[in-house]
C-alpha atoms as a PDB file:
ATOM      1  CA  UNK A   1      -1.709  44.810  17.129  1.00  0.00           C
ATOM      2  CA  UNK A   2       0.127  44.539  14.498  1.00  0.00           C
ATOM      3  CA  UNK A   3       0.955  42.172  12.095  1.00  0.00           C
ATOM      4  CA  UNK A   4       3.931  40.756  13.649  1.00  0.00           C
ATOM      5  CA  UNK A   5       2.205  39.344  16.896  1.00  0.00           C
ATOM      6  CA  UNK A   6       0.223  37.300  14.805  1.00  0.00           C
ATOM      7  CA  UNK A   7       1.479  33.741  15.562  1.00  0.00           C
ATOM      8  CA  UNK A   8       3.343  32.252  12.380  1.00  0.00           C
ATOM      9  CA  UNK A   9       1.908  28.046  13.242  1.00  0.00           C
ATOM     10  CA  UNK A  10      -1.481  29.072  13.861  1.00  0.00           C
ATOM     11  CA  UNK A  11      -0.994  30.805  10.742  1.00  0.00           C
ATOM     12  CA  UNK A  12       0.132  28.193   8.428  1.00  0.00           C
ATOM     13  CA  UNK A  13      -1.769  25.495  10.231  1.00  0.00           C
ATOM     14  CA  UNK A  14      -5.445  28.342   8.485  1.00  0.00           C
ATOM     15  CA  UNK A  15      -3.798  28.571   5.886  1.00  0.00           C
ATOM     16  CA  UNK A  16      -3.185  24.672   5.387  1.00  0.00           C
ATOM     17  CA  UNK A  17      -6.974  23.726   6.392  1.00  0.00           C
ATOM     18  CA  UNK A  18      -7.776  26.606   3.612  1.00  0.00           C
ATOM     19  CA  UNK A  19      -6.232  25.021   1.269  1.00  0.00           C
ATOM     20  CA  UNK A  20      -7.310  21.387   2.124  1.00  0.00           C
ATOM     21  CA  UNK A  21     -10.323  21.783   3.272  1.00  0.00           C
ATOM     22  CA  UNK A  22     -11.919  21.368  -1.096  1.00  0.00           C
ATOM     23  CA  UNK A  23     -10.628  18.137  -0.956  1.00  0.00           C
ATOM     24  CA  UNK A  24     -11.914  17.321   2.433  1.00  0.00           C
ATOM     25  CA  UNK A  25     -15.189  18.216   1.329  1.00  0.00           C
ATOM     26  CA  UNK A  26     -14.864  16.199  -2.659  1.00  0.00           C
ATOM     27  CA  UNK A  27     -13.546  12.804  -0.256  1.00  0.00           C
ATOM     28  CA  UNK A  28     -16.112  13.733   2.695  1.00  0.00           C
ATOM     29  CA  UNK A  29     -18.595  13.933  -0.863  1.00  0.00           C
ATOM     30  CA  UNK A  30     -16.897  10.875  -2.477  1.00  0.00           C
ATOM     31  CA  UNK A  31     -17.335   8.491   0.712  1.00  0.00           C
ATOM     32  CA  UNK A  32     -21.275   8.865   1.090  1.00  0.00           C
ATOM     33  CA  UNK A  33     -22.001   8.162  -2.109  1.00  0.00           C
ATOM     34  CA  UNK A  34     -19.753   4.979  -2.525  1.00  0.00           C
ATOM     35  CA  UNK A  35     -21.550   4.056   0.862  1.00  0.00           C
ATOM     36  CA  UNK A  36     -25.067   5.130  -0.773  1.00  0.00           C
ATOM     37  CA  UNK A  37     -24.428   3.098  -3.556  1.00  0.00           C
ATOM     38  CA  UNK A  38     -23.136  -0.338  -1.857  1.00  0.00           C
ATOM     39  CA  UNK A  39     -26.059   0.200   0.206  1.00  0.00           C
ATOM     40  CA  UNK A  40     -28.237  -0.366  -2.223  1.00  0.00           C
ATOM     41  CA  UNK A  41     -26.672  -3.294  -3.270  1.00  0.00           C
ATOM     42  CA  UNK A  42     -26.138  -4.866   0.166  1.00  0.00           C
ATOM     43  CA  UNK A  43     -30.083  -4.048   0.760  1.00  0.00           C
ATOM     44  CA  UNK A  44     -31.053  -5.209  -2.627  1.00  0.00           C
ATOM     45  CA  UNK A  45     -28.526  -8.815  -1.942  1.00  0.00           C
ATOM     46  CA  UNK A  46     -30.321  -8.989   1.491  1.00  0.00           C
ATOM     47  CA  UNK A  47     -33.909  -9.025   0.196  1.00  0.00           C
ATOM     48  CA  UNK A  48     -33.292 -11.266  -2.516  1.00  0.00           C
ATOM     49  CA  UNK A  49     -32.342 -13.533   0.039  1.00  0.00           C
ATOM     50  CA  UNK A  50     -35.318 -13.214   2.298  1.00  0.00           C
ATOM     51  CA  UNK A  51     -36.781 -13.699  -0.617  1.00  0.00           C
ATOM     52  CA  UNK A  52     -35.950 -16.574  -1.467  1.00  0.00           C
ATOM     53  CA  UNK A  53     -35.802 -18.342   1.918  1.00  0.00           C
ATOM     54  CA  UNK A  54     -39.194 -17.097   2.741  1.00  0.00           C
ATOM     55  CA  UNK A  55     -40.603 -19.015  -0.654  1.00  0.00           C
ATOM     56  CA  UNK A  56     -38.522 -21.595   0.012  1.00  0.00           C
ATOM     57  CA  UNK A  57     -40.181 -21.870   3.654  1.00  0.00           C
ATOM     58  CA  UNK A  58     -43.538 -21.921   2.158  1.00  0.00           C
ATOM     59  CA  UNK A  59     -43.399 -24.180  -0.512  1.00  0.00           C
ATOM     60  CA  UNK A  60     -41.402 -26.958   1.912  1.00  0.00           C
ATOM     61  CA  UNK A  61     -44.788 -26.713   4.653  1.00  0.00           C
ATOM     62  CA  UNK A  62     -46.927 -26.471   2.035  1.00  0.00           C
ATOM     63  CA  UNK A  63     -45.919 -29.583   0.538  1.00  0.00           C
ATOM     64  CA  UNK A  64     -44.588 -31.454   4.399  1.00  0.00           C
ATOM     65  CA  UNK A  65     -48.470 -30.517   4.817  1.00  0.00           C
ATOM     66  CA  UNK A  66     -50.020 -32.030   2.166  1.00  0.00           C
ATOM     67  CA  UNK A  67     -48.128 -35.195   1.062  1.00  0.00           C
ATOM     68  CA  UNK A  68     -46.183 -37.683   3.796  1.00  0.00           C
ATOM     69  CA  UNK A  69     -42.241 -37.378   3.675  1.00  0.00           C
ATOM     70  CA  UNK A  70     -42.539 -41.300   1.562  1.00  0.00           C
ATOM     71  CA  UNK A  71     -44.041 -39.506  -1.255  1.00  0.00           C
ATOM     72  CA  UNK A  72     -41.825 -36.434  -1.703  1.00  0.00           C
ATOM     73  CA  UNK A  73     -38.922 -39.027  -1.504  1.00  0.00           C
ATOM     74  CA  UNK A  74     -40.166 -40.913  -4.494  1.00  0.00           C
ATOM     75  CA  UNK A  75     -40.855 -38.012  -6.193  1.00  0.00           C
ATOM     76  CA  UNK A  76     -37.523 -36.858  -6.197  1.00  0.00           C
ATOM     77  CA  UNK A  77     -36.148 -40.479  -7.018  1.00  0.00           C
ATOM     78  CA  UNK A  78     -38.257 -39.662 -10.036  1.00  0.00           C
ATOM     79  CA  UNK A  79     -37.368 -36.480 -10.463  1.00  0.00           C
ATOM     80  CA  UNK A  80     -33.743 -37.921 -10.853  1.00  0.00           C
ATOM     81  CA  UNK A  81     -34.359 -40.778 -12.966  1.00  0.00           C
ATOM     82  CA  UNK A  82     -35.912 -38.009 -15.619  1.00  0.00           C
ATOM     83  CA  UNK A  83     -32.861 -36.056 -15.508  1.00  0.00           C
ATOM     84  CA  UNK A  84     -30.749 -38.208 -16.100  1.00  0.00           C
ATOM     85  CA  UNK A  85     -32.200 -40.189 -19.388  1.00  0.00           C
ATOM     86  CA  UNK A  86     -32.835 -36.633 -20.432  1.00  0.00           C
ATOM     87  CA  UNK A  87     -29.228 -35.694 -20.014  1.00  0.00           C
ATOM     88  CA  UNK A  88     -28.742 -39.378 -21.472  1.00  0.00           C
ATOM     89  CA  UNK A  89     -30.451 -39.276 -24.546  1.00  0.00           C
ATOM     90  CA  UNK A  90     -29.010 -35.991 -25.456  1.00  0.00           C
ATOM     91  CA  UNK A  91     -25.492 -37.393 -25.585  1.00  0.00           C
ATOM     92  CA  UNK A  92     -25.927 -40.714 -26.654  1.00  0.00           C
ATOM     93  CA  UNK A  93     -25.491 -39.494 -30.113  1.00  0.00           C
ATOM     94  CA  UNK A  94     -22.438 -37.504 -29.886  1.00  0.00           C
ATOM     95  CA  UNK A  95     -19.309 -38.985 -30.639  1.00  0.00           C
ATOM     96  CA  UNK A  96     -15.936 -38.443 -29.054  1.00  0.00           C
ATOM     97  CA  UNK A  97     -12.548 -40.256 -30.937  1.00  0.00           C
ATOM     98  CA  UNK A  98     -15.144 -42.473 -32.834  1.00  0.00           C
ATOM     99  CA  UNK A  99     -16.394 -43.303 -29.609  1.00  0.00           C
ATOM    100  CA  UNK A 100     -20.041 -43.187 -28.807  1.00  0.00           C
ATOM    101  CA  UNK A 101     -20.728 -42.630 -25.394  1.00  0.00           C
END
């Protein structure tokens, strides 16, 4: 077998593959790193969502077991009134174009 018997197209394809293989390895590693980073953030967000959802379910279950629904509605109304009054007392001394709120 001499050098002239070598298939030129196969030689070029293997040469091209040898030249591009380092880029393939680099991009494969970059893809894996990006997947690890994104996977960590997605896992963190889903864990936080699950945690807060569990806390909300636990609190709502305990509150609904211990208190009648009318009491819960009254407490929420009182908290809303207190919130509105706090905002009013904070904004009552503010003047806009010479007019007090």
